[in-house]
């Protein structure tokens, strides 16, 4: 017997049933205003999994009585989209709206995205794009300027709890003879990891596993598919490594180690983490602690030799050391200041007295003349200018 998935069965059918993302759907908020007016533009929905992006798209289509088509850009092709556009053109002639919901837009390159521009601009279809990534990194500027961007927030445990609690009479029609306590609903809400779809999947699996309609905490934990949300190629990747770097800079070893573990459990390449820690040892510590860079280099080698999973302790060892070490960013500030001078002044000539003169012509042109050889002076100390005249006396350190 075929069953409709619980997450689809209890999907809200109107904004009245959609009890989260209040900054978007409550009275006088953007999506509510668009629906009331009947004038809905093409949109980009950006947010984490299971926060209501697809559900809102369904609600919009029901409210407008529009044809609704779902495409995943992971599995679909350009021809699939163009066929739907042809259908939309026919609908448009008869005054009927067509909504094409494109999931995971960030998976397609920007050249492929360009094929959609004319249809968005003309309004032949209402395109709703969904992405878990920052669209400023993954979506063409031309498309961004033609679509309204709405940011969906991750759901709280309480919001997931409230939804399941409210929908439980409907859930019982889907799964008869099941009882559940508020404490068990809260447990499922927490295990959902801010993802309502995931929480409903846990609940549904637990119901199938329950014997005689008796649901226990052990059954719920058995149904839980433990996952860590982390995209190695997405914004979260950069957010977490940035948090590691800043935690180390602020000498917070605990926060740094927590996020190192987060990246490891999310499937990150340990050598990537080791490279970033190696950079930190030079950027934020040397010369306050010369051992930091040596240890970082040794840890990189050790990680490469031992690899997963045993290499994790090397990264934590290094993270703790770097957090506790004295800090100095002179190498970093020098890199920035010298880069700015090179960009500003370009290819300044080397002063003549610092140039070698391997040929007679060069000697005749005074290459190397007036150069002072440091070892000819007490303590090898000599006073001579090493900068071109435009940077005379410049100090970076």
Protein backbone atom coordinates (compact mmCIF):
# COMPACT_ATOMS: atom_id res chain seq x y z
CA UNK A 1 0.00 0.00 0.00
CA UNK A 2 1.31 3.46 -0.92
CA UNK A 3 1.33 6.22 1.70
CA UNK A 4 1.65 9.94 1.13
CA UNK A 5 4.67 11.14 3.17
CA UNK A 6 3.62 12.79 6.39
CA UNK A 7 5.48 15.99 5.54
CA UNK A 8 3.33 16.31 2.40
CA UNK A 9 0.11 15.19 4.10
CA UNK A 10 0.21 17.94 6.75
CA UNK A 11 1.62 20.65 4.50
CA UNK A 12 -0.17 23.97 5.24
CA UNK A 13 -2.60 24.96 2.49
CA UNK A 14 -2.94 28.65 3.33
CA UNK A 15 -1.09 31.44 5.10
CA UNK A 16 -3.47 31.00 8.04
CA UNK A 17 -1.98 27.55 8.64
CA UNK A 18 1.60 28.70 8.02
CA UNK A 19 2.57 29.72 11.55
CA UNK A 20 6.24 30.61 11.11
CA UNK A 21 8.34 33.05 9.04
CA UNK A 22 6.18 35.83 10.51
CA UNK A 23 8.45 38.51 9.01
CA UNK A 24 7.28 37.37 5.57
CA UNK A 25 3.72 36.07 5.87
CA UNK A 26 1.93 37.93 8.66
CA UNK A 27 -0.55 40.70 7.85
CA UNK A 28 1.06 43.62 5.99
CA UNK A 29 4.28 41.63 5.50
CA UNK A 30 5.67 41.27 1.93
CA UNK A 31 4.35 37.85 0.87
CA UNK A 32 0.98 38.50 2.46
CA UNK A 33 0.67 41.83 0.62
CA UNK A 34 1.60 40.26 -2.73
CA UNK A 35 -1.00 37.52 -2.33
CA UNK A 36 -3.72 39.96 -1.29
CA UNK A 37 -3.04 42.10 -4.35
CA UNK A 38 -2.80 39.10 -6.69
CA UNK A 39 0.34 40.66 -8.16
CA UNK A 40 3.12 38.18 -7.39
CA UNK A 41 6.60 38.78 -8.85
CA UNK A 42 9.33 36.25 -9.54
CA UNK A 43 11.14 35.55 -6.30
CA UNK A 44 14.18 33.94 -4.74
CA UNK A 45 13.69 32.08 -1.47
CA UNK A 46 16.94 31.68 0.45
CA UNK A 47 17.01 29.64 3.66
CA UNK A 48 18.03 26.36 5.33
CA UNK A 49 16.33 23.02 4.60
CA UNK A 50 12.86 22.41 6.02
CA UNK A 51 11.97 26.04 6.78
CA UNK A 52 8.93 26.36 4.47
CA UNK A 53 10.26 27.54 1.11
CA UNK A 54 8.46 24.88 -0.94
CA UNK A 55 5.30 25.15 1.16
CA UNK A 56 5.02 28.89 0.57
CA UNK A 57 5.40 28.29 -3.16
CA UNK A 58 2.49 25.81 -3.02
CA UNK A 59 0.36 28.28 -1.05
CA UNK A 60 1.03 31.01 -3.62
CA UNK A 61 -0.01 28.71 -6.48
CA UNK A 62 -3.21 27.66 -4.69
CA UNK A 63 -4.12 31.25 -3.88
CA UNK A 64 -3.56 32.38 -7.48
CA UNK A 65 -5.14 29.17 -8.86
CA UNK A 66 -2.02 28.86 -10.97
CA UNK A 67 -0.48 25.83 -12.61
CA UNK A 68 2.41 24.72 -10.41
CA UNK A 69 5.47 22.88 -11.68
CA UNK A 70 8.41 21.71 -9.56
CA UNK A 71 11.89 21.23 -11.00
CA UNK A 72 15.11 20.33 -9.24
CA UNK A 73 18.11 21.77 -11.01
CA UNK A 74 20.16 18.79 -9.87
CA UNK A 75 18.20 16.30 -11.98
CA UNK A 76 16.40 18.40 -14.61
CA UNK A 77 17.71 19.66 -17.93
CA UNK A 78 17.30 22.88 -19.86
CA UNK A 79 14.80 21.20 -22.21
CA UNK A 80 12.60 20.27 -19.22
CA UNK A 81 12.34 23.93 -18.29
CA UNK A 82 11.69 25.12 -21.84
CA UNK A 83 8.77 22.66 -22.20
CA UNK A 84 7.18 24.19 -19.11
CA UNK A 85 7.78 27.66 -20.49
CA UNK A 86 5.87 26.68 -23.66
CA UNK A 87 2.97 25.56 -21.47
CA UNK A 88 3.18 28.85 -19.58
CA UNK A 89 2.94 30.82 -22.84
CA UNK A 90 -0.33 29.06 -23.63
CA UNK A 91 -1.67 29.73 -20.13
CA UNK A 92 -0.62 33.37 -20.40
CA UNK A 93 -2.75 33.83 -23.53
CA UNK A 94 -5.82 32.70 -21.57
CA UNK A 95 -5.05 34.77 -18.47
CA UNK A 96 -3.89 31.87 -16.32
CA UNK A 97 -0.77 32.14 -14.16
CA UNK A 98 2.02 29.57 -14.20
CA UNK A 99 4.46 29.09 -11.35
CA UNK A 100 7.67 27.18 -11.91
CA UNK A 101 9.44 26.31 -8.68
CA UNK A 102 13.15 25.71 -9.23
CA UNK A 103 14.87 24.05 -6.31
CA UNK A 104 18.60 24.21 -5.66
CA UNK A 105 19.28 26.97 -8.17
CA UNK A 106 22.82 27.30 -6.82
CA UNK A 107 23.65 23.92 -8.39
CA UNK A 108 23.54 25.37 -11.92
CA UNK A 109 26.18 27.64 -13.39
CA UNK A 110 25.40 31.24 -14.29
CA UNK A 111 25.44 30.59 -18.03
CA UNK A 112 22.59 28.10 -17.60
CA UNK A 113 20.69 30.61 -15.48
CA UNK A 114 20.77 33.10 -18.37
CA UNK A 115 18.25 31.02 -20.31
CA UNK A 116 15.57 32.14 -17.85
CA UNK A 117 16.12 35.88 -18.16
CA UNK A 118 13.63 36.68 -20.96
CA UNK A 119 10.79 34.76 -19.29
CA UNK A 120 11.36 36.47 -15.96
CA UNK A 121 11.56 39.89 -17.59
CA UNK A 122 8.41 39.48 -19.69
CA UNK A 123 6.40 37.93 -16.87
CA UNK A 124 5.34 34.91 -18.92
CA UNK A 125 5.89 32.78 -15.83
CA UNK A 126 6.30 33.41 -12.13
CA UNK A 127 9.60 31.80 -11.25
CA UNK A 128 10.29 30.94 -7.64
CA UNK A 129 13.87 29.94 -6.98
CA UNK A 130 14.91 28.12 -3.82
CA UNK A 131 18.45 27.96 -2.52
CA UNK A 132 20.22 27.20 0.75
CA UNK A 133 23.15 29.37 -0.34
CA UNK A 134 23.77 33.09 -0.48
CA UNK A 135 22.39 34.05 -3.92
CA UNK A 136 24.87 36.90 -4.27
CA UNK A 137 27.52 34.19 -4.75
CA UNK A 138 25.54 31.80 -6.94
CA UNK A 139 22.92 33.72 -8.94
CA UNK A 140 23.48 36.07 -11.88
CA UNK A 141 23.23 39.75 -11.03
CA UNK A 142 20.80 40.16 -13.93
CA UNK A 143 18.46 37.61 -12.34
CA UNK A 144 18.89 39.06 -8.87
CA UNK A 145 17.82 42.47 -10.12
CA UNK A 146 14.63 41.00 -11.68
CA UNK A 147 13.54 38.93 -8.68
CA UNK A 148 12.53 39.77 -5.13
CA UNK A 149 14.76 38.11 -2.57
CA UNK A 150 13.22 36.75 0.64
CA UNK A 151 15.35 35.27 3.41
CA UNK A 152 13.76 32.42 5.36
CA UNK A 153 14.97 31.82 8.91
CA UNK A 154 15.62 28.42 10.45
CA UNK A 155 12.81 27.18 12.66
CA UNK A 156 13.08 27.06 16.43
CA UNK A 157 12.37 23.91 18.44
CA UNK A 158 9.26 25.63 19.80
CA UNK A 159 7.91 26.43 16.32
CA UNK A 160 8.34 22.82 15.24
CA UNK A 161 6.71 21.64 18.48
CA UNK A 162 3.74 24.00 18.02
CA UNK A 163 3.16 22.85 14.45
CA UNK A 164 3.26 19.11 15.26
CA UNK A 165 1.05 19.66 18.30
CA UNK A 166 -1.51 21.60 16.27
CA UNK A 167 -1.50 19.10 13.40
CA UNK A 168 -1.63 15.96 15.51
CA UNK A 169 -5.38 15.35 15.01
CA UNK A 170 -4.68 15.38 11.25
CA UNK A 171 -1.64 13.16 11.78
CA UNK A 172 -3.84 10.61 13.56
CA UNK A 173 -5.93 10.29 10.38
CA UNK A 174 -2.72 9.32 8.62
CA UNK A 175 -1.54 6.96 11.37
CA UNK A 176 -4.34 5.62 13.56
CA UNK A 177 -4.02 4.40 17.14
CA UNK A 178 -0.86 6.30 18.04
CA UNK A 179 -0.46 8.28 21.23
CA UNK A 180 2.33 10.73 21.98
CA UNK A 181 3.26 12.97 24.89
CA UNK A 182 4.28 16.62 24.78
CA UNK A 183 7.73 15.57 25.99
CA UNK A 184 8.10 13.20 23.03
CA UNK A 185 6.96 15.88 20.57
CA UNK A 186 9.57 18.20 22.06
CA UNK A 187 12.24 15.48 21.72
CA UNK A 188 11.34 15.03 18.04
CA UNK A 189 11.41 18.80 17.56
CA UNK A 190 14.94 18.99 18.96
CA UNK A 191 16.14 16.00 16.93
CA UNK A 192 14.84 17.69 13.78
CA UNK A 193 17.79 20.08 13.91
CA UNK A 194 15.62 23.16 13.03
CA UNK A 195 14.24 21.31 9.99
CA UNK A 196 10.46 20.69 10.12
CA UNK A 197 10.55 18.16 7.28
CA UNK A 198 13.25 16.20 9.10
CA UNK A 199 11.24 16.28 12.34
CA UNK A 200 8.13 14.99 10.56
CA UNK A 201 10.17 12.22 8.94
CA UNK A 202 11.45 11.19 12.38
CA UNK A 203 7.90 11.16 13.71
CA UNK A 204 6.62 9.12 10.78
CA UNK A 205 9.42 6.56 11.05
CA UNK A 206 8.81 6.25 14.79
CA UNK A 207 5.11 5.63 14.19
CA UNK A 208 5.89 2.80 11.78
CA UNK A 209 8.32 1.30 14.29
CA UNK A 210 5.92 1.57 17.24
CA UNK A 211 4.22 -1.65 18.31
CA UNK A 212 0.58 -1.60 19.44
CA UNK A 213 0.53 2.19 19.03
CA UNK A 214 2.97 2.70 21.92
CA UNK A 215 5.62 5.30 21.17
CA UNK A 216 8.73 5.42 23.37
CA UNK A 217 11.80 7.64 23.54
CA UNK A 218 13.91 4.68 22.45
CA UNK A 219 11.80 4.20 19.32
CA UNK A 220 12.09 7.92 18.50
CA UNK A 221 15.88 7.79 18.86
CA UNK A 222 15.94 4.67 16.71
CA UNK A 223 14.00 6.54 14.01
CA UNK A 224 16.34 9.51 14.18
CA UNK A 225 18.75 9.72 11.27
CA UNK A 226 21.55 11.75 12.80
CA UNK A 227 22.81 14.34 10.34
CA UNK A 228 24.98 17.44 10.50
CA UNK A 229 24.00 20.27 8.15
CA UNK A 230 27.14 21.44 6.44
CA UNK A 231 27.85 22.33 2.83
CA UNK A 232 31.54 22.12 1.99
CA UNK A 233 31.05 24.36 -1.05
CA UNK A 234 28.58 26.82 0.43
CA UNK A 235 28.39 29.86 2.65
CA UNK A 236 28.24 27.83 5.88
CA UNK A 237 31.70 26.47 5.07
CA UNK A 238 33.13 29.99 5.03
CA UNK A 239 31.08 31.13 8.02
CA UNK A 240 32.46 28.34 10.21
CA UNK A 241 36.10 28.69 9.19
CA UNK A 242 35.78 32.44 9.80
CA UNK A 243 34.39 31.72 13.28
CA UNK A 244 37.33 29.39 13.99
CA UNK A 245 39.83 32.05 12.99
CA UNK A 246 38.16 34.76 15.06
CA UNK A 247 37.74 32.46 18.09
CA UNK A 248 41.48 31.67 17.98
CA UNK A 249 42.31 35.36 17.66
CA UNK A 250 40.21 36.05 20.77
CA UNK A 251 41.96 33.18 22.60
CA UNK A 252 38.73 31.16 22.89
CA UNK A 253 40.01 27.59 22.51
CA UNK A 254 36.65 26.03 23.41
CA UNK A 255 34.70 27.73 20.62
CA UNK A 256 37.48 27.05 18.10
CA UNK A 257 37.59 23.33 18.94
CA UNK A 258 33.79 23.04 18.80
CA UNK A 259 33.74 24.41 15.28
CA UNK A 260 36.70 22.31 14.19
CA UNK A 261 34.65 19.29 15.29
CA UNK A 262 31.62 20.67 13.46
CA UNK A 263 33.60 20.81 10.21
CA UNK A 264 35.08 17.35 10.69
CA UNK A 265 31.71 15.76 11.42
CA UNK A 266 30.28 17.56 8.40
CA UNK A 267 32.83 15.83 6.16
CA UNK A 268 35.35 18.62 5.72
CA UNK A 269 38.85 17.76 4.46
CA UNK A 270 41.09 17.82 7.59
CA UNK A 271 43.95 19.24 5.53
CA UNK A 272 41.81 22.28 4.69
CA UNK A 273 41.43 22.98 8.41
CA UNK A 274 45.16 22.37 8.96
CA UNK A 275 46.02 24.84 6.17
CA UNK A 276 43.84 27.53 7.73
CA UNK A 277 45.46 26.98 11.14
CA UNK A 278 48.89 27.15 9.49
CA UNK A 279 47.95 30.52 8.04
CA UNK A 280 46.67 31.71 11.43
CA UNK A 281 50.00 30.88 13.09
CA UNK A 282 51.73 33.40 10.84
CA UNK A 283 48.97 35.95 10.45
CA UNK A 284 48.01 36.36 14.11
CA UNK A 285 50.88 35.00 16.23
CA UNK A 286 54.40 35.29 14.79
CA UNK A 287 56.71 36.79 16.08
CA UNK A 288 55.08 36.67 19.54
CA UNK A 289 55.61 32.88 19.56
CA UNK A 290 58.02 31.40 17.03
CA UNK A 291 56.96 27.83 17.91
CA UNK A 292 53.40 28.34 16.66
CA UNK A 293 54.32 28.19 12.99
CA UNK A 294 56.63 25.21 13.58
CA UNK A 295 53.90 23.28 15.39
CA UNK A 296 51.31 24.19 12.74
CA UNK A 297 53.55 22.84 10.01
CA UNK A 298 54.18 19.65 11.97
CA UNK A 299 50.46 19.16 12.55
CA UNK A 300 49.77 19.58 8.83
CA UNK A 301 52.25 16.80 8.09
CA UNK A 302 50.83 14.62 10.86
CA UNK A 303 47.27 15.03 9.56
CA UNK A 304 48.42 14.05 6.06
CA UNK A 305 50.15 10.94 7.42
CA UNK A 306 47.48 9.68 9.86
CA UNK A 307 44.30 10.96 8.16
CA UNK A 308 40.72 10.40 9.34
CA UNK A 309 39.49 9.71 11.90
CA UNK A 310 42.58 9.63 14.15
CA UNK A 311 43.97 12.95 12.88
CA UNK A 312 41.34 14.94 14.77
CA UNK A 313 43.44 15.13 17.96
CA UNK A 314 46.26 16.87 16.07
CA UNK A 315 43.89 19.62 14.98
CA UNK A 316 42.53 20.07 18.50
CA UNK A 317 46.08 20.11 19.92
CA UNK A 318 47.04 22.84 17.47
CA UNK A 319 43.81 24.78 17.99
CA UNK A 320 44.31 24.86 21.76
CA UNK A 321 47.95 25.93 21.39
CA UNK A 322 47.14 28.72 18.93
CA UNK A 323 44.31 30.03 21.10
CA UNK A 324 46.53 30.21 24.17
CA UNK A 325 49.57 31.69 22.38
CA UNK A 326 50.43 35.39 22.54
CA UNK A 327 49.18 37.31 19.54
CA UNK A 328 50.90 39.63 17.05
CA UNK A 329 49.68 40.49 13.57
CA UNK A 330 52.74 42.32 12.25
CA UNK A 331 53.18 39.89 9.33
CA UNK A 332 49.57 40.48 8.29
CA UNK A 333 49.70 44.27 8.55
CA UNK A 334 53.01 44.30 6.65
CA UNK A 335 51.46 42.24 3.85
CA UNK A 336 48.57 44.71 3.56
CA UNK A 337 50.70 47.87 3.74
CA UNK A 338 53.28 46.69 1.19
CA UNK A 339 50.52 45.54 -1.18
CA UNK A 340 48.91 48.97 -0.97
CA UNK A 341 52.20 50.69 -1.83
CA UNK A 342 52.85 48.38 -4.77
CA UNK A 343 49.33 49.00 -6.09
CA UNK A 344 49.69 52.76 -5.60
CA UNK A 345 53.19 53.31 -7.03
CA UNK A 346 53.56 50.39 -9.43
CA UNK A 347 57.05 49.42 -10.67
CA UNK A 348 59.30 51.86 -8.85
CA UNK A 349 62.96 51.58 -9.91
CA UNK A 350 65.58 50.13 -7.57
CA UNK A 351 68.07 52.86 -6.45
CA UNK A 352 71.28 52.71 -8.49
CA UNK A 353 73.55 51.98 -5.53
CA UNK A 354 71.60 48.74 -4.78
CA UNK A 355 71.91 47.34 -8.30
CA UNK A 356 74.54 44.81 -9.36
CA UNK A 357 76.88 45.81 -12.18
CA UNK A 358 77.97 42.64 -14.02
CA UNK A 359 78.83 44.54 -17.23
CA UNK A 360 81.02 47.58 -18.05
CA UNK A 361 78.01 49.45 -19.40
CA UNK A 362 76.21 49.04 -16.09
CA UNK A 363 79.27 50.29 -14.22
CA UNK A 364 79.46 53.31 -16.53
CA UNK A 365 75.82 54.00 -15.67
CA UNK A 366 76.79 54.02 -11.96
CA UNK A 367 75.09 50.72 -11.11
CA UNK A 368 76.38 49.76 -7.64
CA UNK A 369 78.32 53.01 -7.16
CA UNK A 370 78.19 54.41 -3.64
CA UNK A 371 76.95 51.09 -2.24
CA UNK A 372 78.13 50.53 1.34
CA UNK A 373 79.05 46.92 2.17
CA UNK A 374 77.69 46.36 5.70
CA UNK A 375 80.55 44.11 6.86
CA UNK A 376 83.01 46.93 6.30
CA UNK A 377 81.37 48.83 9.16
CA UNK A 378 81.28 48.24 12.96
CA UNK A 379 78.67 45.64 13.97
CA UNK A 380 77.72 45.39 10.28
CA UNK A 381 75.57 48.46 10.70
CA UNK A 382 75.33 50.85 7.79
CA UNK A 383 73.18 53.87 7.12
CA UNK A 384 71.94 53.89 3.53
CA UNK A 385 68.56 54.22 1.82
CA UNK A 386 66.99 51.04 0.43
CA UNK A 387 63.68 52.48 -0.78
CA UNK A 388 63.04 54.40 -3.98
CA UNK A 389 62.63 58.11 -3.41
CA UNK A 390 58.80 57.92 -3.40
CA UNK A 391 58.91 55.63 -0.34
CA UNK A 392 61.93 57.10 1.42
CA UNK A 393 61.84 56.33 5.12
CA UNK A 394 58.76 54.13 4.88
CA UNK A 395 58.12 51.95 7.98
CA UNK A 396 55.88 48.89 7.93
CA UNK A 397 56.97 47.10 11.08
